[in-house]
Amino acid sequence: MTCVVEKYQIFAAFEVGVRDLIYRLDIEEENMQQKLIDFCKEHSVIDLGVDPQADGRLITLSTCTGWGYSTRWVVVASWVPDIQSH
């Protein structure tokens, strides 16, 4: 059995409103992924020196909100094209 391990590097972590750009689904529009990356880096409370590529893959982890909450905590990482098979 072959298992593919993909590596992602965290480049942003921040609190954001539930209606902000990070939750848009139409990032396939021209330049939208770069706008998303810029948004994440501008709002991030950390700087790990990672510069994601606009044509690369991103993964977003987000907390849920309970009744009455209008923000969520988000962590965003970019794919590192270093695939290893096990």
PDB file of N, CA and C in Angstrom:
ATOM      1  N   MET A   1       0.838  -1.178   0.000  1.00  0.00           N
ATOM      2  CA  MET A   1       0.000   0.000   0.000  1.00  0.00           C
ATOM      3  C   MET A   1       0.886   1.246   0.000  1.00  0.00           C
ATOM      4  N   THR A   2       0.575   2.194  -0.849  1.00  0.00           N
ATOM      5  CA  THR A   2       1.328   3.439  -0.935  1.00  0.00           C
ATOM      6  C   THR A   2       0.530   4.565  -0.289  1.00  0.00           C
ATOM      7  N   CYS A   3       1.207   5.335   0.508  1.00  0.00           N
ATOM      8  CA  CYS A   3       0.589   6.478   1.186  1.00  0.00           C
ATOM      9  C   CYS A   3       1.332   7.733   0.758  1.00  0.00           C
ATOM     10  N   VAL A   4       0.612   8.731   0.324  1.00  0.00           N
ATOM     11  CA  VAL A   4       1.222  10.000  -0.074  1.00  0.00           C
ATOM     12  C   VAL A   4       1.076  10.989   1.073  1.00  0.00           C
ATOM     13  N   VAL A   5       2.189  11.585   1.459  1.00  0.00           N
ATOM     14  CA  VAL A   5       2.202  12.583   2.518  1.00  0.00           C
ATOM     15  C   VAL A   5       2.421  13.945   1.879  1.00  0.00           C
ATOM     16  N   GLU A   6       1.511  14.861   2.144  1.00  0.00           N
ATOM     17  CA  GLU A   6       1.662  16.208   1.620  1.00  0.00           C
ATOM     18  C   GLU A   6       2.011  17.144   2.776  1.00  0.00           C
ATOM     19  N   LYS A   7       2.869  18.091   2.481  1.00  0.00           N
ATOM     20  CA  LYS A   7       3.343  19.019   3.495  1.00  0.00           C
ATOM     21  C   LYS A   7       2.782  20.417   3.222  1.00  0.00           C
ATOM     22  N   TYR A   8       2.313  21.054   4.281  1.00  0.00           N
ATOM     23  CA  TYR A   8       1.825  22.426   4.209  1.00  0.00           C
ATOM     24  C   TYR A   8       2.573  23.264   5.235  1.00  0.00           C
ATOM     25  N   GLN A   9       2.820  24.535   4.904  1.00  0.00           N
ATOM     26  CA  GLN A   9       3.462  25.460   5.837  1.00  0.00           C
ATOM     27  C   GLN A   9       2.465  26.532   6.243  1.00  0.00           C
ATOM     28  N   ILE A  10       2.288  26.700   7.536  1.00  0.00           N
ATOM     29  CA  ILE A  10       1.400  27.752   8.031  1.00  0.00           C
ATOM     30  C   ILE A  10       2.016  29.109   7.711  1.00  0.00           C
ATOM     31  N   PHE A  11       1.194  30.003   7.178  1.00  0.00           N
ATOM     32  CA  PHE A  11       1.697  31.356   6.902  1.00  0.00           C
ATOM     33  C   PHE A  11       0.833  32.439   7.534  1.00  0.00           C
ATOM     34  N   ALA A  12      -0.322  32.074   8.089  1.00  0.00           N
ATOM     35  CA  ALA A  12      -1.173  33.100   8.690  1.00  0.00           C
ATOM     36  C   ALA A  12      -2.076  32.480   9.758  1.00  0.00           C
ATOM     37  N   ALA A  13      -2.348  33.259  10.794  1.00  0.00           N
ATOM     38  CA  ALA A  13      -3.299  32.889  11.839  1.00  0.00           C
ATOM     39  C   ALA A  13      -3.921  34.186  12.352  1.00  0.00           C
ATOM     40  N   PHE A  14      -5.247  34.211  12.411  1.00  0.00           N
ATOM     41  CA  PHE A  14      -5.908  35.459  12.760  1.00  0.00           C
ATOM     42  C   PHE A  14      -7.367  35.220  13.130  1.00  0.00           C
ATOM     43  N   GLU A  15      -7.956  36.228  13.755  1.00  0.00           N
ATOM     44  CA  GLU A  15      -9.386  36.234  14.047  1.00  0.00           C
ATOM     45  C   GLU A  15     -10.071  37.080  12.987  1.00  0.00           C
ATOM     46  N   VAL A  16     -11.194  36.608  12.509  1.00  0.00           N
ATOM     47  CA  VAL A  16     -11.842  37.285  11.391  1.00  0.00           C
ATOM     48  C   VAL A  16     -13.357  37.162  11.517  1.00  0.00           C
ATOM     49  N   GLY A  17     -14.054  38.112  10.908  1.00  0.00           N
ATOM     50  CA  GLY A  17     -15.516  38.075  10.900  1.00  0.00           C
ATOM     51  C   GLY A  17     -16.035  36.966   9.992  1.00  0.00           C
ATOM     52  N   VAL A  18     -17.211  36.486  10.288  1.00  0.00           N
ATOM     53  CA  VAL A  18     -17.775  35.357   9.550  1.00  0.00           C
ATOM     54  C   VAL A  18     -18.155  35.700   8.109  1.00  0.00           C
ATOM     55  N   ARG A  19     -18.133  36.954   7.749  1.00  0.00           N
ATOM     56  CA  ARG A  19     -18.480  37.359   6.380  1.00  0.00           C
ATOM     57  C   ARG A  19     -17.267  37.906   5.606  1.00  0.00           C
ATOM     58  N   ASP A  20     -16.071  37.742   6.155  1.00  0.00           N
ATOM     59  CA  ASP A  20     -14.874  38.277   5.508  1.00  0.00           C
ATOM     60  C   ASP A  20     -14.428  37.425   4.320  1.00  0.00           C
ATOM     61  N   LEU A  21     -13.447  37.937   3.590  1.00  0.00           N
ATOM     62  CA  LEU A  21     -12.952  37.351   2.349  1.00  0.00           C
ATOM     63  C   LEU A  21     -12.552  35.879   2.485  1.00  0.00           C
ATOM     64  N   ILE A  22     -12.049  35.480   3.614  1.00  0.00           N
ATOM     65  CA  ILE A  22     -11.565  34.113   3.800  1.00  0.00           C
ATOM     66  C   ILE A  22     -12.670  33.084   3.577  1.00  0.00           C
ATOM     67  N   TYR A  23     -13.927  33.469   3.728  1.00  0.00           N
ATOM     68  CA  TYR A  23     -15.043  32.543   3.576  1.00  0.00           C
ATOM     69  C   TYR A  23     -15.716  32.611   2.202  1.00  0.00           C
ATOM     70  N   ARG A  24     -15.141  33.350   1.290  1.00  0.00           N
ATOM     71  CA  ARG A  24     -15.690  33.410  -0.073  1.00  0.00           C
ATOM     72  C   ARG A  24     -15.321  32.146  -0.824  1.00  0.00           C
ATOM     73  N   LEU A  25     -16.197  31.700  -1.670  1.00  0.00           N
ATOM     74  CA  LEU A  25     -15.971  30.472  -2.429  1.00  0.00           C
ATOM     75  C   LEU A  25     -15.583  30.731  -3.875  1.00  0.00           C
ATOM     76  N   ASP A  26     -15.551  31.966  -4.295  1.00  0.00           N
ATOM     77  CA  ASP A  26     -15.292  32.287  -5.702  1.00  0.00           C
ATOM     78  C   ASP A  26     -13.856  32.741  -5.954  1.00  0.00           C
ATOM     79  N   ILE A  27     -12.878  32.079  -5.338  1.00  0.00           N
ATOM     80  CA  ILE A  27     -11.493  32.520  -5.505  1.00  0.00           C
ATOM     81  C   ILE A  27     -10.912  32.093  -6.846  1.00  0.00           C
ATOM     82  N   GLU A  28     -11.717  31.487  -7.703  1.00  0.00           N
ATOM     83  CA  GLU A  28     -11.239  31.111  -9.025  1.00  0.00           C
ATOM     84  C   GLU A  28     -11.206  32.307  -9.970  1.00  0.00           C
ATOM     85  N   GLU A  29     -11.802  33.428  -9.563  1.00  0.00           N
ATOM     86  CA  GLU A  29     -11.721  34.643 -10.365  1.00  0.00           C
ATOM     87  C   GLU A  29     -10.265  35.069 -10.468  1.00  0.00           C
ATOM     88  N   GLU A  30      -9.932  35.749 -11.548  1.00  0.00           N
ATOM     89  CA  GLU A  30      -8.557  36.201 -11.765  1.00  0.00           C
ATOM     90  C   GLU A  30      -8.083  37.066 -10.602  1.00  0.00           C
ATOM     91  N   ASN A  31      -6.903  36.796 -10.117  1.00  0.00           N
ATOM     92  CA  ASN A  31      -6.245  37.518  -9.022  1.00  0.00           C
ATOM     93  C   ASN A  31      -6.898  37.319  -7.654  1.00  0.00           C
ATOM     94  N   MET A  32      -7.971  36.545  -7.563  1.00  0.00           N
ATOM     95  CA  MET A  32      -8.649  36.401  -6.281  1.00  0.00           C
ATOM     96  C   MET A  32      -7.807  35.623  -5.274  1.00  0.00           C
ATOM     97  N   GLN A  33      -7.068  34.609  -5.721  1.00  0.00           N
ATOM     98  CA  GLN A  33      -6.241  33.854  -4.774  1.00  0.00           C
ATOM     99  C   GLN A  33      -5.144  34.758  -4.204  1.00  0.00           C
ATOM    100  N   GLN A  34      -4.557  35.618  -5.026  1.00  0.00           N
ATOM    101  CA  GLN A  34      -3.543  36.534  -4.519  1.00  0.00           C
ATOM    102  C   GLN A  34      -4.160  37.513  -3.528  1.00  0.00           C
ATOM    103  N   LYS A  35      -5.367  37.975  -3.808  1.00  0.00           N
ATOM    104  CA  LYS A  35      -6.064  38.860  -2.863  1.00  0.00           C
ATOM    105  C   LYS A  35      -6.314  38.135  -1.542  1.00  0.00           C
ATOM    106  N   LEU A  36      -6.669  36.861  -1.622  1.00  0.00           N
ATOM    107  CA  LEU A  36      -6.895  36.065  -0.421  1.00  0.00           C
ATOM    108  C   LEU A  36      -5.604  35.920   0.388  1.00  0.00           C
ATOM    109  N   ILE A  37      -4.496  35.617  -0.278  1.00  0.00           N
ATOM    110  CA  ILE A  37      -3.198  35.502   0.394  1.00  0.00           C
ATOM    111  C   ILE A  37      -2.826  36.823   1.057  1.00  0.00           C
ATOM    112  N   ASP A  38      -2.982  37.921   0.331  1.00  0.00           N
ATOM    113  CA  ASP A  38      -2.678  39.244   0.886  1.00  0.00           C
ATOM    114  C   ASP A  38      -3.549  39.544   2.107  1.00  0.00           C
ATOM    115  N   PHE A  39      -4.835  39.222   2.021  1.00  0.00           N
ATOM    116  CA  PHE A  39      -5.758  39.426   3.143  1.00  0.00           C
ATOM    117  C   PHE A  39      -5.281  38.649   4.367  1.00  0.00           C
ATOM    118  N   CYS A  40      -4.925  37.396   4.165  1.00  0.00           N
ATOM    119  CA  CYS A  40      -4.477  36.549   5.276  1.00  0.00           C
ATOM    120  C   CYS A  40      -3.209  37.102   5.918  1.00  0.00           C
ATOM    121  N   LYS A  41      -2.243  37.493   5.105  1.00  0.00           N
ATOM    122  CA  LYS A  41      -0.982  38.011   5.645  1.00  0.00           C
ATOM    123  C   LYS A  41      -1.178  39.348   6.370  1.00  0.00           C
ATOM    124  N   GLU A  42      -2.065  40.198   5.844  1.00  0.00           N
ATOM    125  CA  GLU A  42      -2.330  41.489   6.477  1.00  0.00           C
ATOM    126  C   GLU A  42      -3.006  41.332   7.843  1.00  0.00           C
ATOM    127  N   HIS A  43      -3.850  40.312   7.995  1.00  0.00           N
ATOM    128  CA  HIS A  43      -4.594  40.116   9.238  1.00  0.00           C
ATOM    129  C   HIS A  43      -3.890  39.185  10.223  1.00  0.00           C
ATOM    130  N   SER A  44      -2.830  38.538   9.790  1.00  0.00           N
ATOM    131  CA  SER A  44      -2.164  37.541  10.621  1.00  0.00           C
ATOM    132  C   SER A  44      -1.484  38.151  11.843  1.00  0.00           C
ATOM    133  N   VAL A  45      -1.540  37.424  12.948  1.00  0.00           N
ATOM    134  CA  VAL A  45      -0.854  37.842  14.163  1.00  0.00           C
ATOM    135  C   VAL A  45       0.521  37.190  14.264  1.00  0.00           C
ATOM    136  N   ILE A  46       0.886  36.385  13.267  1.00  0.00           N
ATOM    137  CA  ILE A  46       2.207  35.759  13.211  1.00  0.00           C
ATOM    138  C   ILE A  46       2.846  36.041  11.854  1.00  0.00           C
ATOM    139  N   ASP A  47       4.158  36.003  11.795  1.00  0.00           N
ATOM    140  CA  ASP A  47       4.895  36.114  10.539  1.00  0.00           C
ATOM    141  C   ASP A  47       5.968  35.037  10.554  1.00  0.00           C
ATOM    142  N   LEU A  48       5.740  33.995   9.783  1.00  0.00           N
ATOM    143  CA  LEU A  48       6.675  32.872   9.751  1.00  0.00           C
ATOM    144  C   LEU A  48       7.603  32.931   8.536  1.00  0.00           C
ATOM    145  N   GLY A  49       7.542  34.032   7.787  1.00  0.00           N
ATOM    146  CA  GLY A  49       8.415  34.184   6.641  1.00  0.00           C
ATOM    147  C   GLY A  49       8.047  33.323   5.445  1.00  0.00           C
ATOM    148  N   VAL A  50       6.831  32.805   5.417  1.00  0.00           N
ATOM    149  CA  VAL A  50       6.372  31.967   4.309  1.00  0.00           C
ATOM    150  C   VAL A  50       5.634  32.845   3.305  1.00  0.00           C
ATOM    151  N   ASP A  51       6.022  32.743   2.039  1.00  0.00           N
ATOM    152  CA  ASP A  51       5.365  33.502   0.970  1.00  0.00           C
ATOM    153  C   ASP A  51       4.701  32.535  -0.008  1.00  0.00           C
ATOM    154  N   PRO A  52       3.416  32.266   0.183  1.00  0.00           N
ATOM    155  CA  PRO A  52       2.722  31.324  -0.701  1.00  0.00           C
ATOM    156  C   PRO A  52       2.618  31.855  -2.126  1.00  0.00           C
ATOM    157  N   GLN A  53       2.583  30.934  -3.065  1.00  0.00           N
ATOM    158  CA  GLN A  53       2.429  31.281  -4.474  1.00  0.00           C
ATOM    159  C   GLN A  53       0.939  31.402  -4.800  1.00  0.00           C
ATOM    160  N   ALA A  54       0.586  32.374  -5.626  1.00  0.00           N
ATOM    161  CA  ALA A  54      -0.814  32.608  -5.973  1.00  0.00           C
ATOM    162  C   ALA A  54      -1.419  31.436  -6.748  1.00  0.00           C
ATOM    163  N   ASP A  55      -0.591  30.631  -7.393  1.00  0.00           N
ATOM    164  CA  ASP A  55      -1.118  29.489  -8.149  1.00  0.00           C
ATOM    165  C   ASP A  55      -0.999  28.186  -7.365  1.00  0.00           C
ATOM    166  N   GLY A  56      -0.622  28.280  -6.093  1.00  0.00           N
ATOM    167  CA  GLY A  56      -0.464  27.094  -5.257  1.00  0.00           C
ATOM    168  C   GLY A  56      -1.746  26.727  -4.522  1.00  0.00           C
ATOM    169  N   ARG A  57      -1.687  25.622  -3.818  1.00  0.00           N
ATOM    170  CA  ARG A  57      -2.833  25.157  -3.039  1.00  0.00           C
ATOM    171  C   ARG A  57      -2.744  25.682  -1.615  1.00  0.00           C
ATOM    172  N   LEU A  58      -3.895  26.013  -1.061  1.00  0.00           N
ATOM    173  CA  LEU A  58      -3.996  26.478   0.316  1.00  0.00           C
ATOM    174  C   LEU A  58      -4.934  25.553   1.087  1.00  0.00           C
ATOM    175  N   ILE A  59      -4.708  25.479   2.387  1.00  0.00           N
ATOM    176  CA  ILE A  59      -5.639  24.778   3.264  1.00  0.00           C
ATOM    177  C   ILE A  59      -5.982  25.729   4.394  1.00  0.00           C
ATOM    178  N   THR A  60      -7.260  25.775   4.742  1.00  0.00           N
ATOM    179  CA  THR A  60      -7.734  26.681   5.778  1.00  0.00           C
ATOM    180  C   THR A  60      -8.416  25.883   6.873  1.00  0.00           C
ATOM    181  N   LEU A  61      -8.004  26.129   8.104  1.00  0.00           N
ATOM    182  CA  LEU A  61      -8.644  25.542   9.274  1.00  0.00           C
ATOM    183  C   LEU A  61      -9.346  26.674  10.015  1.00  0.00           C
ATOM    184  N   SER A  62     -10.574  26.439  10.403  1.00  0.00           N
ATOM    185  CA  SER A  62     -11.355  27.493  11.029  1.00  0.00           C
ATOM    186  C   SER A  62     -12.160  26.937  12.193  1.00  0.00           C
ATOM    187  N   THR A  63     -12.267  27.733  13.259  1.00  0.00           N
ATOM    188  CA  THR A  63     -13.130  27.341  14.365  1.00  0.00           C
ATOM    189  C   THR A  63     -14.578  27.587  13.979  1.00  0.00           C
ATOM    190  N   CYS A  64     -15.463  27.023  14.738  1.00  0.00           N
ATOM    191  CA  CYS A  64     -16.899  27.266  14.575  1.00  0.00           C
ATOM    192  C   CYS A  64     -17.282  28.433  15.484  1.00  0.00           C
ATOM    193  N   THR A  65     -18.458  28.953  15.270  1.00  0.00           N
ATOM    194  CA  THR A  65     -18.959  29.982  16.170  1.00  0.00           C
ATOM    195  C   THR A  65     -20.239  29.496  16.802  1.00  0.00           C
ATOM    196  N   GLY A  66     -20.437  29.904  18.000  1.00  0.00           N
ATOM    197  CA  GLY A  66     -21.687  29.590  18.678  1.00  0.00           C
ATOM    198  C   GLY A  66     -22.691  30.701  18.440  1.00  0.00           C
ATOM    199  N   TRP A  67     -23.854  30.534  18.978  1.00  0.00           N
ATOM    200  CA  TRP A  67     -24.898  31.534  18.828  1.00  0.00           C
ATOM    201  C   TRP A  67     -24.433  32.875  19.399  1.00  0.00           C
ATOM    202  N   GLY A  68     -24.523  33.927  18.604  1.00  0.00           N
ATOM    203  CA  GLY A  68     -24.180  35.255  19.079  1.00  0.00           C
ATOM    204  C   GLY A  68     -22.738  35.691  18.827  1.00  0.00           C
ATOM    205  N   TYR A  69     -21.905  34.794  18.297  1.00  0.00           N
ATOM    206  CA  TYR A  69     -20.516  35.158  18.013  1.00  0.00           C
ATOM    207  C   TYR A  69     -20.383  35.549  16.550  1.00  0.00           C
ATOM    208  N   SER A  70     -19.578  36.568  16.277  1.00  0.00           N
ATOM    209  CA  SER A  70     -19.455  37.045  14.899  1.00  0.00           C
ATOM    210  C   SER A  70     -18.038  36.909  14.350  1.00  0.00           C
ATOM    211  N   THR A  71     -17.141  36.251  15.094  1.00  0.00           N
ATOM    212  CA  THR A  71     -15.776  36.053  14.608  1.00  0.00           C
ATOM    213  C   THR A  71     -15.363  34.593  14.772  1.00  0.00           C
ATOM    214  N   ARG A  72     -14.321  34.231  14.021  1.00  0.00           N
ATOM    215  CA  ARG A  72     -13.739  32.894  14.083  1.00  0.00           C
ATOM    216  C   ARG A  72     -12.221  33.016  14.060  1.00  0.00           C
ATOM    217  N   TRP A  73     -11.534  32.011  14.587  1.00  0.00           N
ATOM    218  CA  TRP A  73     -10.092  31.937  14.534  1.00  0.00           C
ATOM    219  C   TRP A  73      -9.726  31.081  13.328  1.00  0.00           C
ATOM    220  N   VAL A  74      -8.796  31.575  12.488  1.00  0.00           N
ATOM    221  CA  VAL A  74      -8.444  30.918  11.233  1.00  0.00           C
ATOM    222  C   VAL A  74      -6.936  30.694  11.167  1.00  0.00           C
ATOM    223  N   VAL A  75      -6.537  29.528  10.673  1.00  0.00           N
ATOM    224  CA  VAL A  75      -5.136  29.220  10.385  1.00  0.00           C
ATOM    225  C   VAL A  75      -5.072  28.810   8.914  1.00  0.00           C
ATOM    226  N   VAL A  76      -4.141  29.416   8.164  1.00  0.00           N
ATOM    227  CA  VAL A  76      -4.031  29.142   6.734  1.00  0.00           C
ATOM    228  C   VAL A  76      -2.606  28.691   6.422  1.00  0.00           C
ATOM    229  N   ALA A  77      -2.506  27.654   5.593  1.00  0.00           N
ATOM    230  CA  ALA A  77      -1.199  27.105   5.225  1.00  0.00           C
ATOM    231  C   ALA A  77      -1.134  26.918   3.714  1.00  0.00           C
ATOM    232  N   SER A  78       0.081  26.969   3.185  1.00  0.00           N
ATOM    233  CA  SER A  78       0.292  26.755   1.747  1.00  0.00           C
ATOM    234  C   SER A  78       1.007  25.429   1.521  1.00  0.00           C
ATOM    235  N   TRP A  79       0.669  24.800   0.419  1.00  0.00           N
ATOM    236  CA  TRP A  79       1.209  23.497   0.056  1.00  0.00           C
ATOM    237  C   TRP A  79       2.676  23.613  -0.327  1.00  0.00           C
ATOM    238  N   VAL A  80       3.473  22.663   0.135  1.00  0.00           N
ATOM    239  CA  VAL A  80       4.890  22.579  -0.212  1.00  0.00           C
ATOM    240  C   VAL A  80       5.042  21.393  -1.170  1.00  0.00           C
ATOM    241  N   PRO A  81       5.453  21.643  -2.410  1.00  0.00           N
ATOM    242  CA  PRO A  81       5.510  20.569  -3.407  1.00  0.00           C
ATOM    243  C   PRO A  81       6.682  19.607  -3.188  1.00  0.00           C
ATOM    244  N   ASP A  82       6.690  18.955  -2.043  1.00  0.00           N
ATOM    245  CA  ASP A  82       7.739  17.987  -1.695  1.00  0.00           C
ATOM    246  C   ASP A  82       7.034  16.699  -1.287  1.00  0.00           C
ATOM    247  N   ILE A  83       6.582  15.949  -2.268  1.00  0.00           N
ATOM    248  CA  ILE A  83       5.769  14.769  -2.001  1.00  0.00           C
ATOM    249  C   ILE A  83       6.668  13.577  -1.694  1.00  0.00           C
ATOM    250  N   GLN A  84       6.299  12.848  -0.652  1.00  0.00           N
ATOM    251  CA  GLN A  84       7.014  11.647  -0.255  1.00  0.00           C
ATOM    252  C   GLN A  84       6.042  10.482  -0.252  1.00  0.00           C
ATOM    253  N   SER A  85       6.436   9.363  -0.808  1.00  0.00           N
ATOM    254  CA  SER A  85       5.603   8.173  -0.765  1.00  0.00           C
ATOM    255  C   SER A  85       6.138   7.244   0.309  1.00  0.00           C
ATOM    256  N   HIS A  86       5.219   6.614   1.033  1.00  0.00           N
ATOM    257  CA  HIS A  86       5.587   5.678   2.099  1.00  0.00           C
ATOM    258  C   HIS A  86       4.922   4.348   1.850  1.00  0.00           C
TER     259      HIS A  86
END
